[in-house]
């Protein structure tokens, strides 16, 4: 039981970290809150981390119900999610933002940027949601679900730390260093997306009797 828990926790944390990319997106959060008070930035950091965690939790628990409602299989979701993840990774390799210019400009004028655009689509976007649903294929025991949730909570904590101290991160890291970090994470995200698509295609066309 403990083995299932730690394996699931490590899997969810390791797979989600490059997708959520809290360190790489901290400068974007700081840019949206640069003209606000430190207290406001702290509140937004806490709310963004909470919303990001909730989105992942809702995805993993409501995922099967949503799949049945729309009449698609988990392997269909793997392929679709893999495509979305690969597209996000390709943008990161090109150092492009996941959010459009109009969304970014609107976010700077919003009173609350925690749920949108920060929690979604910037952090827990369609790729992260699809990956959360796909995690259940690696184990559905109660201990495994507890591990997935522990990994999501850890991601939420890392997100809170990165956003809470985004001003320090921006001062310490140069733009070139942040760009390099995004490209490195983008490479690993692309590999995750390809792996999801390969698994989905294999299960749909080759694993069935």
N, C-alpha and C. Protein backbone atom coordinates (compact mmCIF):
# COMPACT_ATOMS: atom_id res chain seq x y z
N UNK A 1 0.83 -1.21 0.00
CA UNK A 1 0.00 0.00 0.00
C UNK A 1 0.87 1.26 0.00
N UNK A 2 1.87 1.31 0.88
CA UNK A 2 2.76 2.46 0.91
C UNK A 2 3.53 2.60 -0.40
N UNK A 3 3.88 1.44 -0.97
CA UNK A 3 4.59 1.48 -2.25
C UNK A 3 3.73 2.13 -3.32
N UNK A 4 2.46 1.75 -3.39
CA UNK A 4 1.54 2.34 -4.37
C UNK A 4 1.40 3.84 -4.15
N UNK A 5 1.34 4.24 -2.88
CA UNK A 5 1.20 5.66 -2.56
C UNK A 5 2.39 6.47 -3.05
N UNK A 6 3.60 6.01 -2.71
CA UNK A 6 4.79 6.78 -3.07
C UNK A 6 5.05 6.77 -4.57
N UNK A 7 4.74 5.65 -5.22
CA UNK A 7 4.90 5.59 -6.68
C UNK A 7 3.94 6.57 -7.35
N UNK A 8 2.67 6.57 -6.91
CA UNK A 8 1.68 7.47 -7.49
C UNK A 8 2.02 8.93 -7.21
N UNK A 9 2.47 9.21 -5.99
CA UNK A 9 2.84 10.59 -5.63
C UNK A 9 4.01 11.07 -6.49
N UNK A 10 5.02 10.23 -6.63
CA UNK A 10 6.16 10.61 -7.45
C UNK A 10 5.80 10.76 -8.91
N UNK A 11 4.90 9.89 -9.38
CA UNK A 11 4.46 9.97 -10.78
C UNK A 11 3.70 11.26 -11.04
N UNK A 12 2.75 11.58 -10.18
CA UNK A 12 1.94 12.78 -10.41
C UNK A 12 2.78 14.05 -10.28
N UNK A 13 3.68 14.08 -9.29
CA UNK A 13 4.54 15.25 -9.12
C UNK A 13 5.51 15.40 -10.28
N UNK A 14 6.15 14.29 -10.66
CA UNK A 14 7.13 14.35 -11.74
C UNK A 14 6.52 14.69 -13.09
N UNK A 15 5.31 14.18 -13.34
CA UNK A 15 4.67 14.45 -14.62
C UNK A 15 4.07 15.84 -14.68
N UNK A 16 3.53 16.30 -13.56
CA UNK A 16 2.84 17.59 -13.55
C UNK A 16 3.78 18.78 -13.44
N UNK A 17 4.92 18.60 -12.82
CA UNK A 17 5.79 19.76 -12.59
C UNK A 17 6.18 20.47 -13.89
N UNK A 18 6.67 19.74 -14.92
CA UNK A 18 7.01 20.45 -16.15
C UNK A 18 5.80 21.01 -16.88
N UNK A 19 4.62 20.40 -16.70
CA UNK A 19 3.41 20.91 -17.34
C UNK A 19 2.97 22.20 -16.66
N UNK A 20 2.88 22.19 -15.34
CA UNK A 20 2.47 23.38 -14.59
C UNK A 20 3.55 24.47 -14.69
N UNK A 21 4.82 24.06 -14.59
CA UNK A 21 5.97 24.95 -14.73
C UNK A 21 5.82 26.20 -13.86
N UNK A 22 5.71 26.04 -12.54
CA UNK A 22 5.49 27.21 -11.67
C UNK A 22 6.66 28.19 -11.67
N UNK A 23 7.88 27.70 -11.79
CA UNK A 23 9.04 28.60 -11.79
C UNK A 23 9.08 29.42 -13.08
N UNK A 24 8.85 28.76 -14.20
CA UNK A 24 8.89 29.46 -15.47
C UNK A 24 7.80 30.50 -15.64
N UNK A 25 6.65 30.28 -14.97
CA UNK A 25 5.54 31.22 -15.11
C UNK A 25 5.50 32.27 -14.00
N UNK A 26 6.42 32.19 -13.04
CA UNK A 26 6.46 33.19 -11.98
C UNK A 26 6.69 34.61 -12.52
N UNK A 27 7.59 34.79 -13.51
CA UNK A 27 7.75 36.15 -14.04
C UNK A 27 6.48 36.71 -14.68
N UNK A 28 5.68 35.85 -15.32
CA UNK A 28 4.43 36.30 -15.90
C UNK A 28 3.47 36.77 -14.81
N UNK A 29 3.43 36.01 -13.72
CA UNK A 29 2.59 36.41 -12.59
C UNK A 29 3.06 37.74 -12.01
N UNK A 30 4.37 37.91 -11.90
CA UNK A 30 4.90 39.16 -11.35
C UNK A 30 4.57 40.34 -12.26
N UNK A 31 4.63 40.11 -13.57
CA UNK A 31 4.31 41.18 -14.52
C UNK A 31 2.86 41.62 -14.37
N UNK A 32 1.96 40.66 -14.08
CA UNK A 32 0.55 40.99 -13.93
C UNK A 32 0.26 41.72 -12.62
N UNK A 33 1.13 41.55 -11.64
CA UNK A 33 0.88 42.14 -10.31
C UNK A 33 1.95 43.13 -9.90
N UNK A 34 2.80 43.53 -10.86
CA UNK A 34 3.95 44.38 -10.53
C UNK A 34 3.53 45.71 -9.91
N UNK A 35 2.42 46.27 -10.39
CA UNK A 35 2.00 47.59 -9.91
C UNK A 35 1.12 47.52 -8.67
N UNK A 36 0.90 46.30 -8.15
CA UNK A 36 0.04 46.13 -6.98
C UNK A 36 0.86 46.01 -5.71
N UNK A 37 0.18 46.01 -4.59
CA UNK A 37 0.86 45.93 -3.30
C UNK A 37 1.37 44.51 -3.04
N UNK A 38 2.39 44.37 -2.18
CA UNK A 38 2.86 43.03 -1.83
C UNK A 38 1.76 42.17 -1.22
N UNK A 39 0.85 42.78 -0.44
CA UNK A 39 -0.25 42.03 0.14
C UNK A 39 -1.16 41.44 -0.92
N UNK A 40 -1.46 42.23 -1.94
CA UNK A 40 -2.29 41.74 -3.04
C UNK A 40 -1.59 40.59 -3.76
N UNK A 41 -0.28 40.74 -4.00
CA UNK A 41 0.46 39.70 -4.70
C UNK A 41 0.45 38.40 -3.89
N UNK A 42 0.57 38.52 -2.57
CA UNK A 42 0.53 37.32 -1.73
C UNK A 42 -0.83 36.63 -1.81
N UNK A 43 -1.91 37.43 -1.78
CA UNK A 43 -3.26 36.86 -1.89
C UNK A 43 -3.45 36.17 -3.23
N UNK A 44 -3.01 36.80 -4.29
CA UNK A 44 -3.15 36.19 -5.61
C UNK A 44 -2.33 34.91 -5.73
N UNK A 45 -1.14 34.89 -5.13
CA UNK A 45 -0.31 33.69 -5.16
C UNK A 45 -1.00 32.54 -4.44
N UNK A 46 -1.59 32.82 -3.28
CA UNK A 46 -2.28 31.77 -2.52
C UNK A 46 -3.49 31.25 -3.27
N UNK A 47 -4.29 32.17 -3.82
CA UNK A 47 -5.50 31.76 -4.53
C UNK A 47 -5.17 31.00 -5.82
N UNK A 48 -4.13 31.45 -6.52
CA UNK A 48 -3.74 30.76 -7.75
C UNK A 48 -3.30 29.33 -7.46
N UNK A 49 -2.49 29.16 -6.40
CA UNK A 49 -2.04 27.82 -6.03
C UNK A 49 -3.22 26.94 -5.63
N UNK A 50 -4.17 27.51 -4.89
CA UNK A 50 -5.34 26.74 -4.48
C UNK A 50 -6.18 26.33 -5.68
N UNK A 51 -6.45 27.27 -6.58
CA UNK A 51 -7.26 26.96 -7.75
C UNK A 51 -6.57 25.93 -8.65
N UNK A 52 -5.27 26.05 -8.79
CA UNK A 52 -4.53 25.08 -9.62
C UNK A 52 -4.67 23.67 -9.05
N UNK A 53 -4.53 23.55 -7.74
CA UNK A 53 -4.68 22.24 -7.09
C UNK A 53 -6.09 21.71 -7.26
N UNK A 54 -7.10 22.56 -7.07
CA UNK A 54 -8.48 22.12 -7.19
C UNK A 54 -8.81 21.66 -8.60
N UNK A 55 -8.28 22.35 -9.60
CA UNK A 55 -8.53 21.96 -10.99
C UNK A 55 -7.99 20.56 -11.26
N UNK A 56 -6.81 20.27 -10.74
CA UNK A 56 -6.23 18.94 -10.93
C UNK A 56 -7.04 17.87 -10.19
N UNK A 57 -7.46 18.19 -8.97
CA UNK A 57 -8.25 17.23 -8.18
C UNK A 57 -9.59 16.95 -8.85
N UNK A 58 -10.27 17.99 -9.30
CA UNK A 58 -11.55 17.81 -9.98
C UNK A 58 -11.36 16.99 -11.26
N UNK A 59 -10.28 17.24 -11.98
CA UNK A 59 -10.03 16.51 -13.22
C UNK A 59 -9.87 15.03 -12.98
N UNK A 60 -9.11 14.66 -11.94
CA UNK A 60 -8.84 13.24 -11.73
C UNK A 60 -10.07 12.49 -11.20
N UNK A 61 -10.95 13.19 -10.45
CA UNK A 61 -12.12 12.52 -9.90
C UNK A 61 -13.32 12.56 -10.85
N UNK A 62 -13.45 13.63 -11.61
CA UNK A 62 -14.59 13.75 -12.52
C UNK A 62 -14.25 13.33 -13.93
N UNK A 63 -13.00 12.94 -14.14
CA UNK A 63 -12.56 12.62 -15.50
C UNK A 63 -13.33 11.48 -16.13
N UNK A 64 -13.48 10.35 -15.41
CA UNK A 64 -14.20 9.19 -15.96
C UNK A 64 -15.64 9.54 -16.30
N UNK A 65 -16.28 10.30 -15.43
CA UNK A 65 -17.68 10.69 -15.67
C UNK A 65 -17.78 11.55 -16.94
N UNK A 66 -16.87 12.48 -17.09
CA UNK A 66 -16.87 13.32 -18.28
C UNK A 66 -16.60 12.52 -19.54
N UNK A 67 -15.69 11.54 -19.45
CA UNK A 67 -15.40 10.70 -20.61
C UNK A 67 -16.62 9.91 -21.04
N UNK A 68 -17.33 9.33 -20.07
CA UNK A 68 -18.54 8.57 -20.40
C UNK A 68 -19.62 9.48 -20.97
N UNK A 69 -19.73 10.69 -20.42
CA UNK A 69 -20.75 11.62 -20.89
C UNK A 69 -20.54 11.99 -22.35
N UNK A 70 -19.27 12.21 -22.72
CA UNK A 70 -18.97 12.60 -24.10
C UNK A 70 -18.70 11.40 -25.01
N UNK A 71 -18.73 10.19 -24.45
CA UNK A 71 -18.57 8.99 -25.26
C UNK A 71 -17.18 8.78 -25.83
N UNK A 72 -16.16 9.16 -25.08
CA UNK A 72 -14.79 8.95 -25.53
C UNK A 72 -14.08 8.05 -24.53
N UNK A 73 -13.02 7.39 -25.00
CA UNK A 73 -12.27 6.49 -24.13
C UNK A 73 -11.06 7.20 -23.55
N UNK A 74 -10.44 6.53 -22.58
CA UNK A 74 -9.25 7.10 -21.96
C UNK A 74 -8.11 7.20 -22.96
N UNK A 75 -8.05 6.24 -23.88
CA UNK A 75 -7.01 6.29 -24.90
C UNK A 75 -7.24 7.45 -25.88
N UNK A 76 -8.51 7.73 -26.19
CA UNK A 76 -8.80 8.93 -26.99
C UNK A 76 -8.30 10.17 -26.28
N UNK A 77 -8.56 10.23 -24.97
CA UNK A 77 -8.11 11.37 -24.19
C UNK A 77 -6.59 11.45 -24.13
N UNK A 78 -5.93 10.28 -24.07
CA UNK A 78 -4.47 10.28 -24.07
C UNK A 78 -3.93 10.91 -25.36
N UNK A 79 -4.52 10.52 -26.48
CA UNK A 79 -4.03 11.06 -27.75
C UNK A 79 -4.30 12.56 -27.84
N UNK A 80 -5.54 12.95 -27.48
CA UNK A 80 -5.89 14.38 -27.53
C UNK A 80 -5.04 15.18 -26.54
N UNK A 81 -4.89 14.65 -25.33
CA UNK A 81 -4.07 15.32 -24.33
C UNK A 81 -2.62 15.40 -24.74
N UNK A 82 -2.13 14.32 -25.38
CA UNK A 82 -0.76 14.33 -25.86
C UNK A 82 -0.52 15.41 -26.91
N UNK A 83 -1.51 15.59 -27.79
CA UNK A 83 -1.41 16.64 -28.81
C UNK A 83 -1.37 18.02 -28.16
N UNK A 84 -2.26 18.22 -27.16
CA UNK A 84 -2.28 19.52 -26.47
C UNK A 84 -0.98 19.77 -25.74
N UNK A 85 -0.48 18.73 -25.05
CA UNK A 85 0.77 18.88 -24.32
C UNK A 85 1.93 19.18 -25.27
N UNK A 86 1.96 18.45 -26.40
CA UNK A 86 3.02 18.68 -27.38
C UNK A 86 2.95 20.09 -27.95
N UNK A 87 1.73 20.58 -28.19
CA UNK A 87 1.58 21.94 -28.70
C UNK A 87 2.09 22.97 -27.70
N UNK A 88 1.75 22.76 -26.41
CA UNK A 88 2.24 23.66 -25.36
C UNK A 88 3.76 23.61 -25.27
N UNK A 89 4.31 22.39 -25.40
CA UNK A 89 5.77 22.23 -25.32
C UNK A 89 6.46 22.93 -26.49
N UNK A 90 5.85 22.82 -27.67
CA UNK A 90 6.44 23.46 -28.84
C UNK A 90 6.49 24.98 -28.66
N UNK A 91 5.43 25.52 -28.06
CA UNK A 91 5.41 26.96 -27.79
C UNK A 91 6.50 27.33 -26.80
N UNK A 92 6.71 26.48 -25.79
CA UNK A 92 7.75 26.77 -24.81
C UNK A 92 9.15 26.69 -25.44
N UNK A 93 9.34 25.74 -26.35
CA UNK A 93 10.63 25.63 -27.02
C UNK A 93 10.92 26.87 -27.86
N UNK A 94 9.84 27.50 -28.34
CA UNK A 94 9.99 28.74 -29.07
C UNK A 94 9.90 29.95 -28.19
N UNK A 95 9.81 29.70 -26.85
CA UNK A 95 9.72 30.77 -25.85
C UNK A 95 8.48 31.63 -26.05
N UNK A 96 7.37 30.98 -26.44
CA UNK A 96 6.10 31.68 -26.60
C UNK A 96 5.23 31.46 -25.39
N UNK A 97 4.32 32.37 -25.13
CA UNK A 97 3.43 32.27 -23.98
C UNK A 97 2.24 31.40 -24.29
N UNK A 98 1.67 30.74 -23.26
CA UNK A 98 0.45 29.96 -23.44
C UNK A 98 -0.79 30.84 -23.50
N UNK A 99 -0.65 32.07 -23.11
CA UNK A 99 -1.79 32.97 -23.07
C UNK A 99 -1.62 34.00 -24.17
N UNK A 100 -2.73 34.38 -24.82
CA UNK A 100 -2.66 35.32 -25.93
C UNK A 100 -2.34 36.72 -25.44
N UNK A 101 -1.94 37.60 -26.38
CA UNK A 101 -1.60 38.97 -26.01
C UNK A 101 -2.82 39.70 -25.45
N UNK A 102 -4.00 39.44 -26.03
CA UNK A 102 -5.20 40.10 -25.54
C UNK A 102 -5.55 39.64 -24.14
N UNK A 103 -5.38 38.33 -23.86
CA UNK A 103 -5.64 37.81 -22.52
C UNK A 103 -4.65 38.39 -21.51
N UNK A 104 -3.39 38.50 -21.92
CA UNK A 104 -2.38 39.04 -21.02
C UNK A 104 -2.66 40.51 -20.70
N UNK A 105 -3.04 41.27 -21.73
CA UNK A 105 -3.34 42.68 -21.50
C UNK A 105 -4.55 42.85 -20.61
N UNK A 106 -5.57 42.01 -20.82
CA UNK A 106 -6.77 42.10 -19.99
C UNK A 106 -6.46 41.71 -18.55
N UNK A 107 -5.55 40.74 -18.37
CA UNK A 107 -5.22 40.28 -17.02
C UNK A 107 -4.58 41.38 -16.19
N UNK A 108 -3.81 42.25 -16.86
CA UNK A 108 -3.14 43.33 -16.13
C UNK A 108 -4.15 44.32 -15.55
N UNK A 109 -5.35 44.38 -16.13
CA UNK A 109 -6.37 45.31 -15.65
C UNK A 109 -7.39 44.66 -14.73
N UNK A 110 -7.27 43.34 -14.52
CA UNK A 110 -8.25 42.64 -13.71
C UNK A 110 -7.98 42.84 -12.22
N UNK A 111 -9.05 42.79 -11.44
CA UNK A 111 -8.89 42.88 -10.00
C UNK A 111 -8.35 41.57 -9.45
N UNK A 112 -8.77 40.45 -10.01
CA UNK A 112 -8.36 39.14 -9.53
C UNK A 112 -7.86 38.32 -10.72
N UNK A 113 -6.57 37.97 -10.71
CA UNK A 113 -5.99 37.21 -11.82
C UNK A 113 -5.75 35.75 -11.43
N UNK A 114 -6.24 35.32 -10.28
CA UNK A 114 -5.88 34.01 -9.75
C UNK A 114 -6.49 32.86 -10.54
N UNK A 115 -7.82 32.90 -10.75
CA UNK A 115 -8.46 31.79 -11.46
C UNK A 115 -8.16 31.86 -12.95
N UNK A 116 -8.45 33.01 -13.55
CA UNK A 116 -8.09 33.24 -14.95
C UNK A 116 -7.36 34.57 -15.04
N UNK A 117 -6.28 34.65 -15.75
CA UNK A 117 -5.72 33.57 -16.58
C UNK A 117 -4.66 32.71 -15.89
N UNK A 118 -4.31 32.96 -14.60
CA UNK A 118 -3.17 32.27 -14.02
C UNK A 118 -3.42 30.78 -13.81
N UNK A 119 -4.45 30.44 -13.00
CA UNK A 119 -4.68 29.02 -12.71
C UNK A 119 -5.02 28.26 -13.98
N UNK A 120 -5.87 28.86 -14.81
CA UNK A 120 -6.19 28.30 -16.12
C UNK A 120 -6.45 29.44 -17.08
N UNK A 121 -5.85 29.47 -18.26
CA UNK A 121 -5.15 28.34 -18.90
C UNK A 121 -3.64 28.32 -18.72
N UNK A 122 -3.05 29.28 -17.99
CA UNK A 122 -1.59 29.36 -17.97
C UNK A 122 -0.98 28.17 -17.24
N UNK A 123 -1.46 27.87 -16.03
CA UNK A 123 -0.87 26.78 -15.24
C UNK A 123 -1.58 25.45 -15.50
N UNK A 124 -2.77 25.30 -14.99
CA UNK A 124 -3.52 24.05 -15.16
C UNK A 124 -4.45 24.16 -16.36
N UNK A 125 -3.87 24.13 -17.53
CA UNK A 125 -4.64 24.22 -18.76
C UNK A 125 -5.12 22.87 -19.23
N UNK A 126 -5.57 22.78 -20.48
CA UNK A 126 -6.09 21.50 -21.00
C UNK A 126 -5.09 20.37 -20.94
N UNK A 127 -3.81 20.67 -21.17
CA UNK A 127 -2.80 19.62 -21.10
C UNK A 127 -2.68 19.02 -19.72
N UNK A 128 -2.67 19.86 -18.69
CA UNK A 128 -2.57 19.37 -17.31
C UNK A 128 -3.83 18.59 -16.93
N UNK A 129 -5.00 19.08 -17.35
CA UNK A 129 -6.24 18.37 -17.06
C UNK A 129 -6.25 16.98 -17.71
N UNK A 130 -5.83 16.92 -18.96
CA UNK A 130 -5.79 15.63 -19.66
C UNK A 130 -4.81 14.68 -18.99
N UNK A 131 -3.67 15.20 -18.58
CA UNK A 131 -2.68 14.36 -17.91
C UNK A 131 -3.21 13.86 -16.58
N UNK A 132 -3.95 14.70 -15.84
CA UNK A 132 -4.52 14.28 -14.56
C UNK A 132 -5.49 13.12 -14.77
N UNK A 133 -6.32 13.21 -15.81
CA UNK A 133 -7.25 12.11 -16.11
C UNK A 133 -6.48 10.85 -16.48
N UNK A 134 -5.42 11.01 -17.27
CA UNK A 134 -4.65 9.85 -17.71
C UNK A 134 -3.86 9.17 -16.62
N UNK A 135 -3.59 9.86 -15.52
CA UNK A 135 -2.82 9.26 -14.43
C UNK A 135 -3.50 8.02 -13.86
N UNK A 136 -4.82 8.00 -13.89
CA UNK A 136 -5.55 6.88 -13.29
C UNK A 136 -5.25 5.56 -13.97
N UNK A 137 -4.72 5.61 -15.19
CA UNK A 137 -4.39 4.37 -15.89
C UNK A 137 -3.23 3.64 -15.21
N UNK A 138 -2.46 4.34 -14.39
CA UNK A 138 -1.32 3.72 -13.73
C UNK A 138 -1.69 3.09 -12.39
N UNK A 139 -2.94 3.21 -11.99
CA UNK A 139 -3.38 2.59 -10.74
C UNK A 139 -4.63 3.26 -10.21
N UNK A 140 -5.60 2.45 -9.78
CA UNK A 140 -6.86 3.00 -9.29
C UNK A 140 -7.17 2.57 -7.86
N UNK A 141 -6.17 2.03 -7.17
CA UNK A 141 -6.35 1.66 -5.77
C UNK A 141 -6.45 2.92 -4.92
N UNK A 142 -7.11 2.83 -3.75
CA UNK A 142 -7.21 4.00 -2.87
C UNK A 142 -5.85 4.61 -2.54
N UNK A 143 -4.84 3.75 -2.32
CA UNK A 143 -3.51 4.28 -2.01
C UNK A 143 -2.94 5.06 -3.18
N UNK A 144 -3.23 4.61 -4.41
CA UNK A 144 -2.75 5.31 -5.59
C UNK A 144 -3.41 6.68 -5.71
N UNK A 145 -4.72 6.73 -5.48
CA UNK A 145 -5.42 8.02 -5.53
C UNK A 145 -4.89 8.97 -4.46
N UNK A 146 -4.60 8.43 -3.28
CA UNK A 146 -4.03 9.27 -2.23
C UNK A 146 -2.68 9.82 -2.67
N UNK A 147 -1.90 9.01 -3.38
CA UNK A 147 -0.61 9.46 -3.89
C UNK A 147 -0.76 10.54 -4.94
N UNK A 148 -1.74 10.37 -5.84
CA UNK A 148 -1.98 11.41 -6.85
C UNK A 148 -2.32 12.74 -6.17
N UNK A 149 -3.20 12.66 -5.18
CA UNK A 149 -3.59 13.89 -4.47
C UNK A 149 -2.41 14.52 -3.75
N UNK A 150 -1.56 13.68 -3.16
CA UNK A 150 -0.37 14.21 -2.48
C UNK A 150 0.54 14.92 -3.48
N UNK A 151 0.67 14.35 -4.68
CA UNK A 151 1.47 14.99 -5.71
C UNK A 151 0.88 16.32 -6.14
N UNK A 152 -0.47 16.39 -6.23
CA UNK A 152 -1.13 17.64 -6.60
C UNK A 152 -0.93 18.70 -5.53
N UNK A 153 -1.02 18.28 -4.28
CA UNK A 153 -0.81 19.22 -3.17
C UNK A 153 0.63 19.75 -3.20
N UNK A 154 1.58 18.86 -3.49
CA UNK A 154 2.98 19.29 -3.59
C UNK A 154 3.16 20.29 -4.73
N UNK A 155 2.49 20.04 -5.85
CA UNK A 155 2.54 20.98 -6.98
C UNK A 155 1.94 22.32 -6.56
N UNK A 156 0.82 22.28 -5.83
CA UNK A 156 0.21 23.51 -5.35
C UNK A 156 1.14 24.29 -4.43
N UNK A 157 1.85 23.57 -3.57
CA UNK A 157 2.79 24.22 -2.65
C UNK A 157 3.95 24.85 -3.42
N UNK A 158 4.49 24.12 -4.40
CA UNK A 158 5.58 24.67 -5.21
C UNK A 158 5.11 25.89 -6.01
N UNK A 159 3.87 25.83 -6.47
CA UNK A 159 3.30 26.96 -7.20
C UNK A 159 3.19 28.17 -6.29
N UNK A 160 2.70 27.95 -5.07
CA UNK A 160 2.56 29.06 -4.12
C UNK A 160 3.92 29.68 -3.82
N UNK A 161 4.94 28.85 -3.58
CA UNK A 161 6.27 29.37 -3.27
C UNK A 161 6.82 30.18 -4.45
N UNK A 162 6.67 29.63 -5.66
CA UNK A 162 7.21 30.32 -6.84
C UNK A 162 6.53 31.66 -7.07
N UNK A 163 5.21 31.70 -6.92
CA UNK A 163 4.49 32.95 -7.15
C UNK A 163 4.66 33.91 -5.99
N UNK A 164 4.67 33.37 -4.78
CA UNK A 164 4.82 34.21 -3.58
C UNK A 164 6.13 34.99 -3.62
N UNK A 165 7.18 34.34 -4.11
CA UNK A 165 8.50 34.98 -4.17
C UNK A 165 8.90 35.28 -5.62
N UNK A 166 7.92 35.56 -6.45
CA UNK A 166 8.21 35.83 -7.86
C UNK A 166 9.08 37.08 -8.02
N UNK A 167 8.93 38.06 -7.13
CA UNK A 167 9.75 39.27 -7.24
C UNK A 167 11.22 38.95 -7.02
N UNK A 168 11.51 38.06 -6.06
CA UNK A 168 12.90 37.66 -5.84
C UNK A 168 13.44 36.86 -7.02
N UNK A 169 12.59 35.98 -7.58
CA UNK A 169 13.01 35.16 -8.70
C UNK A 169 13.35 36.02 -9.91
N UNK A 170 12.54 37.04 -10.15
CA UNK A 170 12.79 37.93 -11.29
C UNK A 170 14.11 38.68 -11.10
N UNK A 171 14.41 39.07 -9.87
CA UNK A 171 15.65 39.80 -9.62
C UNK A 171 16.88 38.89 -9.73
N UNK A 172 16.73 37.63 -9.33
CA UNK A 172 17.87 36.71 -9.31
C UNK A 172 18.18 36.16 -10.70
N UNK A 173 17.14 35.76 -11.43
CA UNK A 173 17.32 35.12 -12.72
C UNK A 173 17.23 36.14 -13.84
N UNK A 174 18.14 36.04 -14.78
CA UNK A 174 18.12 36.93 -15.94
C UNK A 174 17.07 36.42 -16.93
N UNK A 175 16.64 37.28 -17.85
CA UNK A 175 15.69 36.82 -18.88
C UNK A 175 16.22 35.64 -19.69
N UNK A 176 17.52 35.64 -19.97
CA UNK A 176 18.10 34.53 -20.72
C UNK A 176 18.03 33.23 -19.94
N UNK A 177 18.27 33.30 -18.63
CA UNK A 177 18.20 32.10 -17.79
C UNK A 177 16.78 31.57 -17.73
N UNK A 178 15.80 32.47 -17.59
CA UNK A 178 14.41 32.04 -17.58
C UNK A 178 14.00 31.43 -18.91
N UNK A 179 14.48 32.02 -20.00
CA UNK A 179 14.18 31.46 -21.31
C UNK A 179 14.77 30.07 -21.48
N UNK A 180 16.00 29.89 -21.00
CA UNK A 180 16.64 28.58 -21.08
C UNK A 180 15.88 27.55 -20.25
N UNK A 181 15.42 27.95 -19.06
CA UNK A 181 14.65 27.04 -18.21
C UNK A 181 13.37 26.62 -18.90
N UNK A 182 12.68 27.56 -19.53
CA UNK A 182 11.45 27.23 -20.25
C UNK A 182 11.71 26.24 -21.38
N UNK A 183 12.83 26.40 -22.09
CA UNK A 183 13.13 25.50 -23.19
C UNK A 183 13.47 24.10 -22.70
N UNK A 184 14.20 24.02 -21.59
CA UNK A 184 14.52 22.70 -21.03
C UNK A 184 13.25 21.98 -20.59
N UNK A 185 12.39 22.70 -19.85
CA UNK A 185 11.14 22.09 -19.43
C UNK A 185 10.27 21.76 -20.63
N UNK A 186 10.30 22.60 -21.66
CA UNK A 186 9.51 22.34 -22.85
C UNK A 186 9.92 21.05 -23.53
N UNK A 187 11.21 20.74 -23.53
CA UNK A 187 11.68 19.49 -24.12
C UNK A 187 11.10 18.28 -23.40
N UNK A 188 11.12 18.32 -22.06
CA UNK A 188 10.57 17.21 -21.29
C UNK A 188 9.06 17.12 -21.46
N UNK A 189 8.38 18.26 -21.56
CA UNK A 189 6.95 18.25 -21.77
C UNK A 189 6.62 17.62 -23.12
N UNK A 190 7.41 17.94 -24.15
CA UNK A 190 7.19 17.36 -25.47
C UNK A 190 7.33 15.84 -25.41
N UNK A 191 8.33 15.35 -24.65
CA UNK A 191 8.50 13.91 -24.50
C UNK A 191 7.30 13.27 -23.81
N UNK A 192 6.74 13.95 -22.80
CA UNK A 192 5.55 13.43 -22.11
C UNK A 192 4.37 13.37 -23.08
N UNK A 193 4.20 14.42 -23.89
CA UNK A 193 3.10 14.42 -24.87
C UNK A 193 3.24 13.31 -25.88
N UNK A 194 4.44 13.09 -26.38
CA UNK A 194 4.67 12.01 -27.34
C UNK A 194 4.38 10.66 -26.70
N UNK A 195 4.81 10.48 -25.45
CA UNK A 195 4.57 9.22 -24.76
C UNK A 195 3.08 8.94 -24.59
N UNK A 196 2.30 9.99 -24.25
CA UNK A 196 0.85 9.82 -24.12
C UNK A 196 0.23 9.41 -25.45
N UNK A 197 0.64 10.05 -26.54
CA UNK A 197 0.08 9.72 -27.85
C UNK A 197 0.45 8.30 -28.27
N UNK A 198 1.70 7.90 -28.03
CA UNK A 198 2.14 6.55 -28.39
C UNK A 198 1.35 5.50 -27.60
N UNK A 199 1.18 5.74 -26.29
CA UNK A 199 0.40 4.80 -25.48
C UNK A 199 -1.04 4.70 -25.98
N UNK A 200 -1.65 5.84 -26.29
CA UNK A 200 -3.03 5.84 -26.76
C UNK A 200 -3.19 5.11 -28.08
N UNK A 201 -2.30 5.37 -29.03
CA UNK A 201 -2.37 4.70 -30.34
C UNK A 201 -2.12 3.21 -30.18
N UNK A 202 -1.15 2.85 -29.34
CA UNK A 202 -0.85 1.43 -29.13
C UNK A 202 -2.05 0.70 -28.54
N UNK A 203 -2.67 1.28 -27.53
CA UNK A 203 -3.81 0.63 -26.89
C UNK A 203 -5.02 0.55 -27.81
N UNK A 204 -5.22 1.56 -28.64
CA UNK A 204 -6.39 1.57 -29.53
C UNK A 204 -6.26 0.58 -30.68
N UNK A 205 -5.06 0.46 -31.23
CA UNK A 205 -4.93 -0.28 -32.47
C UNK A 205 -4.12 -1.58 -32.37
N UNK A 206 -3.35 -1.75 -31.30
CA UNK A 206 -2.48 -2.91 -31.24
C UNK A 206 -2.68 -3.77 -30.00
N UNK A 207 -3.20 -3.20 -28.90
CA UNK A 207 -3.33 -3.95 -27.65
C UNK A 207 -4.62 -4.72 -27.56
N UNK A 208 -5.59 -4.40 -28.43
CA UNK A 208 -6.89 -5.07 -28.34
C UNK A 208 -6.87 -6.37 -29.12
N UNK A 209 -7.52 -7.43 -28.61
CA UNK A 209 -7.51 -8.72 -29.30
C UNK A 209 -8.36 -8.67 -30.57
